[in-house]
Amino acid sequence: MKERQITSSPQGHVLTNVNVWSPDGKWIVYDVRSDVAGSVFDGSRIEAVNVNSGEVKLVYESKDGANCGVATFSPAAMKIAFILGPEHPTADWSYSAYHRRGVIVDFAKPGAAVALDGRDILPPFTAGALRGGSHVHIFSGDGQWLSFTYEDHILATADRSPAAPPCDLNQRNIGISAASKTVSVNKDHPRNHDGSHFTVLVTRTHNQPRPGSDEIQRAFEEGWVGTNGYVKSDGTRQKRALAFQGEVISESGTPVSEVFVVDIPDEVDQPGDGPLQGTSATRPSPPLGTVQRRLTRTADRKHPGISGPRHWLRSSPDGARIAFLMKDDDGIVQLWTISPSGGPMAQLTHSQWSIESAFTWNSDGSAIACVIDRSVFLINSQTGKLTRLTPPTDLAAAPLPEACAISPDGKQIAYVRNITSDGISHNQIFVVTVPSH
């Protein structure tokens, strides 16, 4: 197996956990955050590197005190989505989970960022716009919708004094942006802006989930189910759905992350049991026809809940299986799957080593890429057989856990190593060739 280093500039290179390859497989998009894990949001550029020539293209450079990062390609067009922090930040509006937004740049028009999700933070709020910040924007298989995690400025900054009226907590939720219509908002606040997509939340959290119930206090680390949804047990197709981690409270009072799925209607502009835009005291509500379901119940296992490295749930391309990480009874992090229609969990890997990274499926659903034992591995999605693609290295230069992304044609895997040169370390992007069957 041939491994190649494809970046070498003395700067950070951070990959998102999925959709870093262009649809034609020629480019990999990344940001330039400086720390190894990308946990410090200090990058000022989105760049793309040509996998064959090594050419680097500037996609976007932030200005006016903003930073940018967490870039992903559409699988259907040469468009890139990423997070943009506040321009002209102030003491009351600096970068945070509820002060960021998604933008899209056409690869052929670098530097021209279009606001993805609108924002309206003064009542009356606008349906289709957010009141806070979005994070990790992932295109659906057809490139028409994007998913993201969300936190709410209105609820995060609400008056919590005893004399104040009660209001919901700011809890992490999941939203979608649909290309079906644009959104215009009142410009009565300097942080308000229009959006190119209609944006709503699709998950429902509770301020105080009942122990032992299916109520959750956080929804996070989501992934689209299938490139075209999934086939339900009655034989009908659910065109759009997201799998996600939902944090329940066990009967003993312990938070446990479980696998959930939310089925999303074709039209998302009709309110359900509450206003799409929320109120000054309540979170935005999911649209009419949204159905949230719990798939796993692991509180009674020896090692309860989803665990291991930070990872996003990822579905097979046909939507039949949702993959996640969880410890076996020996405490080793293994790969498991479950149907979006429910039923028993299936343990796919039985490795002697724990899985050490986020993971991705290849386009035909036959294999999954991840890091194990300081090496890039390919997992046969039917048998669980492991194939080591890179030799194990010392921990300092091992493939990093944030990303292990298979190219659209399934022939290469992109990942990051932290490489030291002249006594200075920087993240660099590598690719390894997948062996032919």
Protein backbone atom coordinates (compact mmCIF):
# COMPACT_ATOMS: atom_id res chain seq x y z
CA MET A 1 0.00 0.00 0.00
CA LYS A 2 1.33 3.38 -1.00
CA GLU A 3 1.14 6.28 1.46
CA ARG A 4 1.80 9.82 0.25
CA GLN A 5 2.18 13.11 2.09
CA ILE A 6 0.30 15.68 -0.01
CA THR A 7 0.78 18.86 2.04
CA SER A 8 4.03 20.23 3.42
CA SER A 9 3.56 23.94 4.14
CA PRO A 10 4.52 24.99 7.71
CA GLN A 11 0.97 25.56 8.99
CA GLY A 12 -1.95 23.65 10.39
CA HIS A 13 -4.02 21.33 8.20
CA VAL A 14 -7.28 20.11 9.77
CA LEU A 15 -9.74 17.76 8.07
CA THR A 16 -13.42 17.48 8.91
CA ASN A 17 -14.58 13.95 9.71
CA VAL A 18 -16.38 13.38 6.37
CA ASN A 19 -16.96 14.92 2.89
CA VAL A 20 -13.47 16.40 2.56
CA TRP A 21 -13.05 15.07 -1.01
CA SER A 22 -14.36 16.94 -4.03
CA PRO A 23 -16.99 15.00 -6.01
CA ASP A 24 -14.43 14.23 -8.73
CA GLY A 25 -11.91 13.01 -6.15
CA LYS A 26 -9.22 15.46 -7.26
CA TRP A 27 -9.21 17.90 -4.30
CA ILE A 28 -9.23 17.69 -0.51
CA VAL A 29 -10.52 20.67 1.45
CA TYR A 30 -9.16 21.64 4.87
CA ASP A 31 -8.73 24.55 7.26
CA VAL A 32 -5.59 25.90 8.89
CA ARG A 33 -6.38 25.87 12.61
CA SER A 34 -3.10 25.80 14.48
CA ASP A 35 -3.51 23.17 17.20
CA VAL A 36 -3.29 19.46 16.53
CA ALA A 37 -6.92 18.57 17.28
CA GLY A 38 -8.39 21.75 15.81
CA SER A 39 -10.03 22.59 19.12
CA VAL A 40 -8.81 26.21 18.98
CA PHE A 41 -10.89 28.08 16.41
CA ASP A 42 -8.13 30.34 15.09
CA GLY A 43 -7.95 29.50 11.39
CA SER A 44 -8.21 32.29 8.84
CA ARG A 45 -8.27 30.29 5.60
CA ILE A 46 -10.07 27.47 3.87
CA GLU A 47 -7.81 25.80 1.33
CA ALA A 48 -7.92 22.80 -0.99
CA VAL A 49 -5.02 20.67 -2.19
CA ASN A 50 -4.93 18.79 -5.47
CA VAL A 51 -4.21 15.18 -4.60
CA ASN A 52 -2.23 14.50 -7.78
CA SER A 53 -0.28 17.71 -8.36
CA GLY A 54 -0.02 19.11 -4.82
CA GLU A 55 -1.38 22.47 -6.03
CA VAL A 56 -2.99 24.45 -3.19
CA LYS A 57 -5.99 26.64 -3.92
CA LEU A 58 -7.24 29.36 -1.57
CA VAL A 59 -10.99 28.90 -1.20
CA TYR A 60 -11.69 31.62 1.37
CA GLU A 61 -9.79 33.96 3.68
CA SER A 62 -11.65 35.48 6.59
CA LYS A 63 -11.39 39.15 7.47
CA ASP A 64 -12.46 41.74 10.05
CA GLY A 65 -11.45 39.57 13.01
CA ALA A 66 -13.43 36.50 11.98
CA ASN A 67 -12.07 32.97 11.77
CA CYS A 68 -13.21 30.02 9.70
CA GLY A 69 -12.95 26.25 9.70
CA VAL A 70 -14.57 22.79 9.48
CA ALA A 71 -14.92 22.65 5.70
CA THR A 72 -16.85 20.04 3.70
CA PHE A 73 -17.56 19.47 0.01
CA SER A 74 -20.97 18.81 -1.46
CA PRO A 75 -21.00 15.30 -2.95
CA ALA A 76 -22.99 16.63 -5.91
CA ALA A 77 -21.33 19.94 -6.84
CA MET A 78 -18.08 21.84 -6.45
CA LYS A 79 -19.35 23.76 -3.44
CA ILE A 80 -17.84 23.96 0.03
CA ALA A 81 -19.58 24.68 3.34
CA PHE A 82 -17.79 25.79 6.50
CA ILE A 83 -18.14 27.70 9.76
CA LEU A 84 -17.54 31.44 9.80
CA GLY A 85 -17.11 33.19 13.14
CA PRO A 86 -18.26 36.76 13.87
CA GLU A 87 -16.75 39.57 11.85
CA HIS A 88 -15.94 42.66 13.92
CA PRO A 89 -16.29 40.64 17.16
CA THR A 90 -17.32 42.53 20.28
CA ALA A 91 -17.37 41.74 23.97
CA ASP A 92 -20.99 40.61 23.71
CA TRP A 93 -20.64 38.89 20.33
CA SER A 94 -17.40 36.96 20.05
CA TYR A 95 -16.91 33.44 18.75
CA SER A 96 -18.85 30.79 20.66
CA ALA A 97 -21.13 27.82 20.02
CA TYR A 98 -24.08 30.18 19.60
CA HIS A 99 -22.21 32.93 17.69
CA ARG A 100 -21.17 31.22 14.46
CA ARG A 101 -22.82 30.50 11.12
CA GLY A 102 -22.56 28.36 8.06
CA VAL A 103 -21.49 29.74 4.70
CA ILE A 104 -21.03 28.24 1.23
CA VAL A 105 -18.38 29.05 -1.37
CA ASP A 106 -18.48 27.95 -5.00
CA PHE A 107 -15.10 26.39 -5.80
CA ALA A 108 -15.02 28.33 -9.07
CA LYS A 109 -15.60 31.62 -7.23
CA PRO A 110 -13.16 31.59 -4.30
CA GLY A 111 -13.65 34.25 -1.66
CA ALA A 112 -17.37 34.81 -2.31
CA ALA A 113 -19.10 33.35 0.74
CA VAL A 114 -22.90 33.10 0.82
CA ALA A 115 -24.65 32.89 4.19
CA LEU A 116 -26.25 29.45 4.48
CA ASP A 117 -28.42 29.81 7.59
CA GLY A 118 -30.20 33.10 8.22
CA ARG A 119 -30.19 34.68 11.65
CA ASP A 120 -32.82 36.74 13.48
CA ILE A 121 -32.21 37.39 17.16
CA LEU A 122 -34.89 39.99 17.86
CA PRO A 123 -38.57 39.07 18.26
CA PRO A 124 -40.70 38.46 16.35
CA PHE A 125 -38.30 35.79 15.14
CA THR A 126 -38.38 34.54 11.55
CA ALA A 127 -39.36 31.01 10.55
CA GLY A 128 -36.52 29.47 8.55
CA ALA A 129 -33.84 31.49 10.33
CA LEU A 130 -31.82 30.66 13.45
CA ARG A 131 -31.33 32.58 16.69
CA GLY A 132 -27.86 31.20 17.39
CA GLY A 133 -24.92 29.31 15.94
CA SER A 134 -24.50 26.34 13.61
CA HIS A 135 -21.57 23.91 13.45
CA VAL A 136 -20.19 21.14 11.18
CA HIS A 137 -22.27 21.50 8.01
CA ILE A 138 -22.65 18.22 6.10
CA PHE A 139 -24.39 18.00 2.74
CA SER A 140 -26.99 15.32 2.08
CA GLY A 141 -26.34 12.79 -0.67
CA ASP A 142 -28.06 14.93 -3.30
CA GLY A 143 -26.34 18.10 -2.11
CA GLN A 144 -29.67 19.89 -1.56
CA TRP A 145 -29.80 19.85 2.24
CA LEU A 146 -27.21 20.24 4.99
CA SER A 147 -27.21 19.08 8.60
CA PHE A 148 -25.51 20.80 11.54
CA THR A 149 -25.47 21.05 15.32
CA TYR A 150 -26.92 24.15 16.93
CA GLU A 151 -26.89 26.24 20.09
CA ASP A 152 -29.21 29.14 20.85
CA HIS A 153 -28.10 32.71 21.62
CA ILE A 154 -31.51 33.72 23.01
CA LEU A 155 -31.59 30.93 25.59
CA ALA A 156 -27.86 31.01 26.32
CA THR A 157 -28.05 34.69 27.30
CA ALA A 158 -31.48 34.62 28.97
CA ASP A 159 -32.02 36.11 32.42
CA ARG A 160 -31.90 33.19 34.87
CA SER A 161 -32.53 35.19 38.03
CA PRO A 162 -35.28 33.97 40.36
CA ALA A 163 -37.53 36.88 39.39
CA ALA A 164 -37.19 36.22 35.64
CA PRO A 165 -39.88 34.24 33.78
CA PRO A 166 -38.95 30.59 33.15
CA CYS A 167 -37.45 29.64 29.81
CA ASP A 168 -35.85 26.67 28.12
CA LEU A 169 -32.19 25.82 28.57
CA ASN A 170 -29.71 26.25 25.76
CA GLN A 171 -29.07 22.65 24.74
CA ARG A 172 -27.24 21.28 21.74
CA ASN A 173 -29.67 20.27 19.00
CA ILE A 174 -29.52 19.27 15.33
CA GLY A 175 -30.90 21.26 12.43
CA ILE A 176 -31.12 21.12 8.67
CA SER A 177 -30.86 23.73 5.95
CA ALA A 178 -32.99 23.01 2.87
CA ALA A 179 -32.35 24.59 -0.51
CA SER A 180 -36.09 24.76 -1.21
CA LYS A 181 -36.31 28.48 -0.44
CA THR A 182 -34.28 31.46 0.74
CA VAL A 183 -34.97 33.36 3.96
CA SER A 184 -35.05 37.13 4.50
CA VAL A 185 -35.04 38.68 7.97
CA ASN A 186 -35.43 42.12 9.45
CA LYS A 187 -32.12 43.93 9.70
CA ASP A 188 -33.04 45.49 13.05
CA HIS A 189 -29.96 43.98 14.70
CA PRO A 190 -26.39 44.18 13.34
CA ARG A 191 -25.97 40.39 13.69
CA ASN A 192 -29.09 39.54 11.70
CA HIS A 193 -28.62 38.30 8.14
CA ASP A 194 -30.50 36.51 5.36
CA GLY A 195 -29.94 32.86 4.48
CA SER A 196 -29.66 31.01 1.18
CA HIS A 197 -31.48 27.99 2.69
CA PHE A 198 -34.58 27.46 4.85
CA THR A 199 -33.23 26.34 8.22
CA VAL A 200 -35.03 24.58 11.07
CA LEU A 201 -34.26 22.35 14.03
CA VAL A 202 -35.32 18.71 13.69
CA THR A 203 -34.53 17.30 17.14
CA ARG A 204 -36.30 17.83 20.42
CA THR A 205 -34.55 18.06 23.78
CA HIS A 206 -35.94 18.40 27.30
CA ASN A 207 -34.76 20.67 30.08
CA GLN A 208 -34.87 17.80 32.59
CA PRO A 209 -35.26 14.41 30.90
CA ARG A 210 -37.10 11.84 32.98
CA PRO A 211 -34.68 9.11 34.13
CA GLY A 212 -35.25 5.92 32.18
CA SER A 213 -37.24 7.65 29.43
CA ASP A 214 -36.44 8.35 25.79
CA GLU A 215 -36.20 12.09 26.47
CA ILE A 216 -32.80 13.59 25.75
CA GLN A 217 -30.87 16.59 26.98
CA ARG A 218 -28.48 16.81 24.01
CA ALA A 219 -28.59 15.82 20.32
CA PHE A 220 -25.23 15.77 18.55
CA GLU A 221 -22.76 14.04 16.17
CA GLU A 222 -25.32 13.37 13.45
CA GLY A 223 -25.09 11.75 10.02
CA TRP A 224 -27.43 11.45 7.04
CA VAL A 225 -29.06 8.02 6.72
CA GLY A 226 -28.24 6.73 3.25
CA THR A 227 -27.49 8.72 0.13
CA ASN A 228 -31.21 8.57 -0.59
CA GLY A 229 -32.69 7.77 2.81
CA TYR A 230 -33.67 4.24 3.77
CA VAL A 231 -36.39 1.64 3.18
CA LYS A 232 -38.71 1.33 6.15
CA SER A 233 -39.99 -1.98 7.48
CA ASP A 234 -43.27 -1.47 5.60
CA GLY A 235 -41.38 -1.22 2.30
CA THR A 236 -41.80 2.52 1.82
CA ARG A 237 -38.81 4.84 1.44
CA GLN A 238 -38.02 7.52 4.00
CA LYS A 239 -36.21 9.99 1.77
CA ARG A 240 -34.49 12.05 4.46
CA ALA A 241 -33.40 11.02 7.94
CA LEU A 242 -30.56 11.74 10.33
CA ALA A 243 -28.95 9.38 12.82
CA PHE A 244 -27.52 11.08 15.88
CA GLN A 245 -26.29 10.62 19.41
CA GLY A 246 -28.95 11.48 21.97
CA GLU A 247 -28.02 11.86 25.62
CA VAL A 248 -30.61 10.23 27.86
CA ILE A 249 -30.63 9.91 31.64
CA SER A 250 -30.56 6.33 32.90
CA GLU A 251 -32.78 5.18 35.74
CA SER A 252 -29.77 5.57 38.04
CA GLY A 253 -29.39 9.20 36.97
CA THR A 254 -26.33 8.78 34.73
CA PRO A 255 -26.11 10.44 31.30
CA VAL A 256 -25.81 7.84 28.52
CA SER A 257 -25.39 8.51 24.79
CA GLU A 258 -27.65 6.33 22.65
CA VAL A 259 -28.36 5.99 18.92
CA PHE A 260 -31.41 7.94 17.74
CA VAL A 261 -32.86 8.62 14.33
CA VAL A 262 -35.12 11.42 13.18
CA ASP A 263 -37.29 11.02 10.08
CA ILE A 264 -37.67 14.36 8.31
CA PRO A 265 -40.59 15.32 6.06
CA ASP A 266 -40.08 16.42 2.46
CA GLU A 267 -41.41 19.89 3.31
CA VAL A 268 -40.00 21.54 6.42
CA ASP A 269 -41.74 24.93 6.39
CA GLN A 270 -44.89 23.84 8.23
CA PRO A 271 -44.86 24.15 12.05
CA GLY A 272 -45.59 21.15 14.23
CA ASP A 273 -46.65 21.58 17.85
CA GLY A 274 -44.74 24.86 18.24
CA PRO A 275 -43.32 27.68 16.13
CA LEU A 276 -40.40 26.73 13.91
CA GLN A 277 -38.57 29.86 15.06
CA GLY A 278 -39.29 29.36 18.77
CA THR A 279 -40.14 32.14 21.20
CA SER A 280 -38.16 34.21 23.66
CA ALA A 281 -38.76 31.46 26.23
CA THR A 282 -38.73 28.29 24.11
CA ARG A 283 -36.46 26.48 21.69
CA PRO A 284 -37.36 26.35 18.00
CA SER A 285 -39.68 23.39 17.35
CA PRO A 286 -39.31 20.72 14.65
CA PRO A 287 -41.51 20.93 11.56
CA LEU A 288 -44.76 19.04 11.10
CA GLY A 289 -44.16 15.35 10.36
CA THR A 290 -40.78 15.08 12.08
CA VAL A 291 -40.46 11.81 14.02
CA GLN A 292 -37.65 11.24 16.54
CA ARG A 293 -36.97 7.64 17.62
CA ARG A 294 -34.55 5.88 19.95
CA LEU A 295 -32.76 2.84 18.51
CA THR A 296 -30.41 1.56 21.24
CA ARG A 297 -30.85 0.83 24.95
CA THR A 298 -27.47 0.14 26.48
CA ALA A 299 -27.71 1.35 30.08
CA ASP A 300 -27.60 -2.21 31.43
CA ARG A 301 -24.45 -3.19 29.52
CA LYS A 302 -21.12 -3.55 31.30
CA HIS A 303 -19.95 -0.47 29.37
CA PRO A 304 -23.07 1.55 28.61
CA GLY A 305 -23.54 3.95 25.75
CA ILE A 306 -21.74 5.15 22.67
CA SER A 307 -18.08 5.63 23.54
CA GLY A 308 -14.55 5.83 22.21
CA PRO A 309 -13.05 8.71 20.23
CA ARG A 310 -15.31 11.55 19.22
CA HIS A 311 -17.20 10.38 16.16
CA TRP A 312 -20.27 11.11 14.11
CA LEU A 313 -22.77 8.36 13.37
CA ARG A 314 -22.41 7.25 9.76
CA SER A 315 -24.82 5.23 7.66
CA SER A 316 -24.15 2.76 4.88
CA PRO A 317 -24.90 4.33 1.48
CA ASP A 318 -28.08 2.23 1.09
CA GLY A 319 -29.29 3.46 4.48
CA ALA A 320 -29.72 -0.06 5.86
CA ARG A 321 -27.17 0.22 8.69
CA ILE A 322 -26.10 2.98 11.05
CA ALA A 323 -22.58 2.54 12.41
CA PHE A 324 -21.33 3.72 15.79
CA LEU A 325 -18.59 2.98 18.31
CA MET A 326 -19.12 1.27 21.64
CA LYS A 327 -17.00 -0.79 24.03
CA ASP A 328 -17.34 -4.56 24.18
CA ASP A 329 -17.42 -6.34 27.51
CA ASP A 330 -13.61 -6.30 27.60
CA GLY A 331 -13.56 -2.51 27.33
CA ILE A 332 -12.29 -2.46 23.72
CA VAL A 333 -13.93 0.09 21.43
CA GLN A 334 -15.52 -1.80 18.54
CA LEU A 335 -17.67 -0.88 15.54
CA TRP A 336 -21.36 -1.74 15.83
CA THR A 337 -24.33 -1.27 13.51
CA ILE A 338 -28.10 -1.06 13.82
CA SER A 339 -30.96 -0.69 11.35
CA PRO A 340 -32.68 2.72 11.20
CA SER A 341 -35.95 0.78 11.61
CA GLY A 342 -34.77 -0.61 14.95
CA GLY A 343 -33.99 -4.13 16.09
CA PRO A 344 -30.89 -5.66 17.66
CA MET A 345 -27.42 -4.13 17.52
CA ALA A 346 -24.76 -6.07 15.62
CA GLN A 347 -21.10 -6.05 16.64
CA LEU A 348 -19.09 -5.79 13.41
CA THR A 349 -15.48 -5.81 14.64
CA HIS A 350 -13.91 -8.09 17.21
CA SER A 351 -10.50 -6.44 17.28
CA GLN A 352 -7.83 -6.81 19.92
CA TRP A 353 -7.27 -3.05 19.61
CA SER A 354 -9.74 -0.22 20.15
CA ILE A 355 -10.86 1.88 17.21
CA GLU A 356 -9.08 5.22 17.57
CA SER A 357 -10.80 7.62 15.16
CA ALA A 358 -13.90 8.81 13.41
CA PHE A 359 -14.75 6.64 10.39
CA THR A 360 -16.29 6.74 6.91
CA TRP A 361 -17.96 4.23 4.55
CA ASN A 362 -16.92 3.78 0.94
CA SER A 363 -19.44 4.56 -1.78
CA ASP A 364 -20.60 0.98 -2.39
CA GLY A 365 -20.94 0.19 1.31
CA SER A 366 -18.43 -2.66 1.27
CA ALA A 367 -15.85 -1.13 3.60
CA ILE A 368 -15.26 1.34 6.42
CA ALA A 369 -12.03 3.27 7.04
CA CYS A 370 -10.71 4.19 10.49
CA VAL A 371 -7.56 4.29 12.62
CA ILE A 372 -6.64 1.28 14.76
CA ASP A 373 -3.32 0.54 16.46
CA ARG A 374 -1.80 3.80 15.14
CA SER A 375 -2.51 2.67 11.56
CA VAL A 376 -5.13 3.30 8.89
CA PHE A 377 -7.32 0.21 8.54
CA LEU A 378 -10.06 -0.89 6.18
CA ILE A 379 -12.90 -2.90 7.70
CA ASN A 380 -14.94 -5.29 5.57
CA SER A 381 -18.50 -4.16 6.32
CA GLN A 382 -19.93 -7.68 6.02
CA THR A 383 -17.35 -9.80 7.83
CA GLY A 384 -15.59 -7.26 10.04
CA LYS A 385 -12.22 -8.40 8.67
CA LEU A 386 -9.46 -5.84 9.26
CA THR A 387 -6.87 -4.87 6.64
CA ARG A 388 -3.97 -2.72 7.79
CA LEU A 389 -3.07 -0.11 5.16
CA THR A 390 -0.25 1.81 6.88
CA PRO A 391 2.42 0.54 9.26
CA PRO A 392 2.09 1.43 12.93
CA THR A 393 4.15 4.46 13.89
CA ASP A 394 5.10 6.08 17.16
CA LEU A 395 2.19 7.82 18.82
CA ALA A 396 3.41 11.34 18.05
CA ALA A 397 3.18 10.78 14.28
CA ALA A 398 0.24 8.38 14.22
CA PRO A 399 -2.85 9.18 12.13
CA LEU A 400 -4.98 11.63 14.09
CA PRO A 401 -8.44 10.63 15.36
CA GLU A 402 -10.44 13.47 13.83
CA ALA A 403 -10.74 12.12 10.27
CA CYS A 404 -10.24 9.05 8.09
CA ALA A 405 -12.08 9.86 4.87
CA ILE A 406 -12.50 7.57 1.85
CA SER A 407 -12.47 9.17 -1.60
CA PRO A 408 -15.63 9.06 -3.75
CA ASP A 409 -14.23 6.27 -5.94
CA GLY A 410 -13.12 4.30 -2.88
CA LYS A 411 -9.52 4.11 -4.05
CA GLN A 412 -7.85 6.45 -1.51
CA ILE A 413 -8.18 7.43 2.14
CA ALA A 414 -7.27 10.86 3.50
CA TYR A 415 -6.07 11.45 7.05
CA VAL A 416 -3.72 13.70 9.02
CA ARG A 417 -0.43 13.12 10.79
CA ASN A 418 1.38 15.60 13.02
CA ILE A 419 4.84 15.85 11.46
CA THR A 420 7.91 17.44 13.06
CA SER A 421 10.38 19.22 10.80
CA ASP A 422 13.30 21.29 12.08
CA GLY A 423 11.91 20.93 15.58
CA ILE A 424 8.48 22.38 14.70
CA SER A 425 5.34 20.26 14.39
CA HIS A 426 2.45 20.80 11.97
CA ASN A 427 -0.49 18.73 10.87
CA GLN A 428 0.01 17.41 7.33
CA ILE A 429 -2.46 15.61 5.08
CA PHE A 430 -1.66 12.12 3.83
CA VAL A 431 -3.43 9.70 1.54
CA VAL A 432 -3.05 5.96 1.22
CA THR A 433 -4.14 3.84 -1.73
CA VAL A 434 -6.77 1.18 -1.07
CA PRO A 435 -5.82 -2.24 -2.46
CA SER A 436 -7.95 -3.48 -5.35
CA HIS A 437 -10.26 -6.38 -4.63
